[in-house]
Amino acid sequence: VAPEKILENYKIFEALVKERLPQTQILFVSLKPSPANWRAADKYKQTNALIKTEIEKGRQAQFVDIFTPMLDEKGEPKAE
């Protein structure tokens, strides 16, 4: 799925939460890397960046980056 499509779906989700549960705080946990899906890492990074930028525009959500801590010193996904 294209990063822009995931962002579009996130925006729809956030709007529904604001409408139906206005006091609810959203925590978006970033897409994470793994050895099995490392070929999609660039899409994951782009998706994470788009959603993080969108979240920074408002006050109802927080972005939780788990992508970066899951990388080793070479910038590749940790085996564990």
N, C-alpha and C. Protein backbone atom coordinates (compact mmCIF):
# COMPACT_ATOMS: atom_id res chain seq x y z
N VAL A 1 0.86 -1.18 0.00
CA VAL A 1 0.00 0.00 0.00
C VAL A 1 0.90 1.24 0.00
N ALA A 2 0.54 2.22 -0.78
CA ALA A 2 1.32 3.44 -0.89
C ALA A 2 1.26 4.26 0.40
N PRO A 3 2.36 4.89 0.78
CA PRO A 3 2.38 5.71 1.98
C PRO A 3 1.27 6.78 1.99
N GLU A 4 0.99 7.36 0.85
CA GLU A 4 -0.06 8.39 0.77
C GLU A 4 -1.44 7.81 1.09
N LYS A 5 -1.68 6.57 0.70
CA LYS A 5 -2.95 5.91 0.99
C LYS A 5 -3.08 5.63 2.50
N ILE A 6 -1.99 5.22 3.11
CA ILE A 6 -2.01 4.98 4.55
C ILE A 6 -2.26 6.29 5.29
N LEU A 7 -1.64 7.37 4.83
CA LEU A 7 -1.89 8.69 5.43
C LEU A 7 -3.36 9.08 5.28
N GLU A 8 -3.91 8.86 4.11
CA GLU A 8 -5.33 9.17 3.88
C GLU A 8 -6.21 8.38 4.85
N ASN A 9 -5.91 7.10 5.03
CA ASN A 9 -6.69 6.27 5.96
C ASN A 9 -6.53 6.75 7.40
N TYR A 10 -5.32 7.17 7.76
CA TYR A 10 -5.10 7.70 9.10
C TYR A 10 -5.94 8.95 9.32
N LYS A 11 -5.97 9.85 8.34
CA LYS A 11 -6.76 11.08 8.47
C LYS A 11 -8.24 10.77 8.67
N ILE A 12 -8.75 9.79 7.97
CA ILE A 12 -10.15 9.38 8.12
C ILE A 12 -10.37 8.84 9.54
N PHE A 13 -9.47 7.99 10.00
CA PHE A 13 -9.57 7.44 11.35
C PHE A 13 -9.55 8.55 12.39
N GLU A 14 -8.59 9.47 12.27
CA GLU A 14 -8.48 10.55 13.24
C GLU A 14 -9.74 11.41 13.25
N ALA A 15 -10.29 11.70 12.09
CA ALA A 15 -11.51 12.51 12.01
C ALA A 15 -12.68 11.79 12.70
N LEU A 16 -12.79 10.50 12.52
CA LEU A 16 -13.85 9.74 13.18
C LEU A 16 -13.69 9.74 14.69
N VAL A 17 -12.46 9.60 15.15
CA VAL A 17 -12.22 9.64 16.60
C VAL A 17 -12.59 11.01 17.15
N LYS A 18 -12.18 12.07 16.47
CA LYS A 18 -12.51 13.42 16.93
C LYS A 18 -14.02 13.63 16.99
N GLU A 19 -14.71 13.11 16.01
CA GLU A 19 -16.17 13.28 15.94
C GLU A 19 -16.90 12.47 17.01
N ARG A 20 -16.53 11.22 17.16
CA ARG A 20 -17.28 10.32 18.03
C ARG A 20 -16.73 10.22 19.46
N LEU A 21 -15.45 10.45 19.61
CA LEU A 21 -14.80 10.33 20.92
C LEU A 21 -13.86 11.52 21.11
N PRO A 22 -14.40 12.71 21.21
CA PRO A 22 -13.56 13.92 21.18
C PRO A 22 -12.53 14.03 22.31
N GLN A 23 -12.70 13.32 23.40
CA GLN A 23 -11.73 13.39 24.50
C GLN A 23 -10.63 12.34 24.39
N THR A 24 -10.71 11.51 23.38
CA THR A 24 -9.77 10.40 23.23
C THR A 24 -8.44 10.87 22.65
N GLN A 25 -7.36 10.43 23.27
CA GLN A 25 -6.01 10.71 22.79
C GLN A 25 -5.56 9.52 21.94
N ILE A 26 -5.04 9.78 20.77
CA ILE A 26 -4.56 8.73 19.86
C ILE A 26 -3.04 8.61 20.01
N LEU A 27 -2.57 7.38 20.11
CA LEU A 27 -1.14 7.10 20.05
C LEU A 27 -0.89 6.28 18.79
N PHE A 28 -0.15 6.84 17.86
CA PHE A 28 0.18 6.12 16.63
C PHE A 28 1.56 5.52 16.80
N VAL A 29 1.63 4.21 16.80
CA VAL A 29 2.91 3.51 16.90
C VAL A 29 3.43 3.29 15.48
N SER A 30 4.62 3.82 15.24
CA SER A 30 5.19 3.79 13.89
C SER A 30 5.28 2.38 13.33
N LEU A 31 5.34 2.32 12.02
CA LEU A 31 5.63 1.05 11.37
C LEU A 31 7.04 0.65 11.78
N LYS A 32 7.28 -0.63 11.92
CA LYS A 32 8.57 -1.08 12.44
C LYS A 32 9.33 -1.91 11.41
N PRO A 33 10.64 -1.87 11.50
CA PRO A 33 11.45 -2.68 10.59
C PRO A 33 11.63 -4.10 11.13
N SER A 34 11.89 -5.00 10.24
CA SER A 34 12.27 -6.35 10.64
C SER A 34 13.07 -6.95 9.48
N PRO A 35 13.85 -7.96 9.75
CA PRO A 35 14.60 -8.58 8.65
C PRO A 35 13.68 -9.10 7.54
N ALA A 36 12.51 -9.59 7.91
CA ALA A 36 11.59 -10.17 6.93
C ALA A 36 10.98 -9.13 5.99
N ASN A 37 10.82 -7.89 6.45
CA ASN A 37 10.18 -6.88 5.59
C ASN A 37 11.12 -5.70 5.29
N TRP A 38 12.42 -5.91 5.41
CA TRP A 38 13.38 -4.83 5.24
C TRP A 38 13.33 -4.23 3.83
N ARG A 39 12.94 -5.00 2.83
CA ARG A 39 12.86 -4.47 1.47
C ARG A 39 11.83 -3.35 1.36
N ALA A 40 10.90 -3.26 2.30
CA ALA A 40 9.89 -2.20 2.30
C ALA A 40 10.25 -1.04 3.24
N ALA A 41 11.49 -1.03 3.73
CA ALA A 41 11.89 -0.03 4.73
C ALA A 41 11.70 1.40 4.25
N ASP A 42 12.01 1.67 2.99
CA ASP A 42 11.84 3.05 2.49
C ASP A 42 10.38 3.49 2.53
N LYS A 43 9.47 2.58 2.18
CA LYS A 43 8.04 2.90 2.27
C LYS A 43 7.62 3.12 3.72
N TYR A 44 8.15 2.31 4.61
CA TYR A 44 7.83 2.45 6.03
C TYR A 44 8.32 3.80 6.54
N LYS A 45 9.55 4.17 6.18
CA LYS A 45 10.10 5.46 6.60
C LYS A 45 9.25 6.61 6.06
N GLN A 46 8.85 6.52 4.79
CA GLN A 46 8.04 7.58 4.19
C GLN A 46 6.67 7.66 4.88
N THR A 47 6.06 6.52 5.12
CA THR A 47 4.76 6.49 5.79
C THR A 47 4.87 7.10 7.19
N ASN A 48 5.88 6.69 7.93
CA ASN A 48 6.09 7.22 9.28
C ASN A 48 6.26 8.74 9.24
N ALA A 49 7.05 9.23 8.29
CA ALA A 49 7.29 10.68 8.19
C ALA A 49 6.00 11.43 7.85
N LEU A 50 5.20 10.90 6.93
CA LEU A 50 3.94 11.55 6.57
C LEU A 50 2.99 11.62 7.76
N ILE A 51 2.85 10.53 8.46
CA ILE A 51 1.92 10.50 9.58
C ILE A 51 2.45 11.36 10.74
N LYS A 52 3.74 11.33 10.99
CA LYS A 52 4.30 12.16 12.05
C LYS A 52 4.05 13.63 11.75
N THR A 53 4.25 14.05 10.52
CA THR A 53 3.99 15.44 10.12
C THR A 53 2.52 15.79 10.32
N GLU A 54 1.63 14.89 9.96
CA GLU A 54 0.20 15.13 10.14
C GLU A 54 -0.14 15.26 11.63
N ILE A 55 0.40 14.39 12.43
CA ILE A 55 0.13 14.41 13.87
C ILE A 55 0.62 15.71 14.50
N GLU A 56 1.76 16.19 14.06
CA GLU A 56 2.33 17.42 14.62
C GLU A 56 1.47 18.65 14.35
N LYS A 57 0.51 18.56 13.43
CA LYS A 57 -0.39 19.67 13.13
C LYS A 57 -1.47 19.84 14.19
N GLY A 58 -1.77 18.78 14.94
CA GLY A 58 -2.88 18.83 15.89
C GLY A 58 -2.46 18.55 17.30
N ARG A 59 -3.47 18.31 18.16
CA ARG A 59 -3.21 18.07 19.57
C ARG A 59 -3.82 16.76 20.08
N GLN A 60 -4.53 16.05 19.23
CA GLN A 60 -5.24 14.87 19.69
C GLN A 60 -4.43 13.58 19.60
N ALA A 61 -3.27 13.64 18.97
CA ALA A 61 -2.52 12.42 18.74
C ALA A 61 -1.04 12.61 19.06
N GLN A 62 -0.39 11.49 19.32
CA GLN A 62 1.05 11.46 19.54
C GLN A 62 1.65 10.38 18.65
N PHE A 63 2.84 10.64 18.15
CA PHE A 63 3.57 9.69 17.32
C PHE A 63 4.60 8.99 18.18
N VAL A 64 4.60 7.67 18.18
CA VAL A 64 5.54 6.89 18.95
C VAL A 64 6.49 6.18 17.97
N ASP A 65 7.74 6.60 17.97
CA ASP A 65 8.72 6.04 17.05
C ASP A 65 9.33 4.77 17.63
N ILE A 66 8.98 3.63 17.02
CA ILE A 66 9.64 2.38 17.40
C ILE A 66 10.56 1.91 16.28
N PHE A 67 10.52 2.58 15.14
CA PHE A 67 11.36 2.22 14.01
C PHE A 67 12.84 2.40 14.37
N THR A 68 13.19 3.60 14.79
CA THR A 68 14.59 3.93 15.05
C THR A 68 15.23 3.05 16.14
N PRO A 69 14.57 2.84 17.28
CA PRO A 69 15.19 2.01 18.31
C PRO A 69 15.36 0.54 17.91
N MET A 70 14.70 0.12 16.84
CA MET A 70 14.80 -1.28 16.41
C MET A 70 15.92 -1.51 15.39
N LEU A 71 16.72 -0.46 15.15
CA LEU A 71 17.84 -0.59 14.22
C LEU A 71 19.14 -0.79 14.99
N ASP A 72 20.06 -1.51 14.35
CA ASP A 72 21.37 -1.70 14.98
C ASP A 72 22.29 -0.54 14.61
N GLU A 73 23.56 -0.64 14.98
CA GLU A 73 24.50 0.45 14.73
C GLU A 73 24.79 0.63 13.24
N LYS A 74 24.46 -0.34 12.40
CA LYS A 74 24.63 -0.22 10.95
C LYS A 74 23.38 0.38 10.27
N GLY A 75 22.32 0.61 11.06
CA GLY A 75 21.08 1.13 10.50
C GLY A 75 20.21 0.07 9.89
N GLU A 76 20.42 -1.18 10.29
CA GLU A 76 19.64 -2.32 9.80
C GLU A 76 18.83 -2.88 10.96
N PRO A 77 17.76 -3.61 10.66
CA PRO A 77 16.93 -4.13 11.76
C PRO A 77 17.70 -5.13 12.63
N LYS A 78 17.49 -4.98 13.93
CA LYS A 78 18.11 -5.91 14.87
C LYS A 78 17.51 -7.30 14.67
N ALA A 79 18.32 -8.30 14.76
CA ALA A 79 17.86 -9.69 14.55
C ALA A 79 16.83 -10.11 15.58
N GLU A 80 16.98 -9.64 16.81
CA GLU A 80 16.04 -10.04 17.85
C GLU A 80 14.74 -9.33 17.70
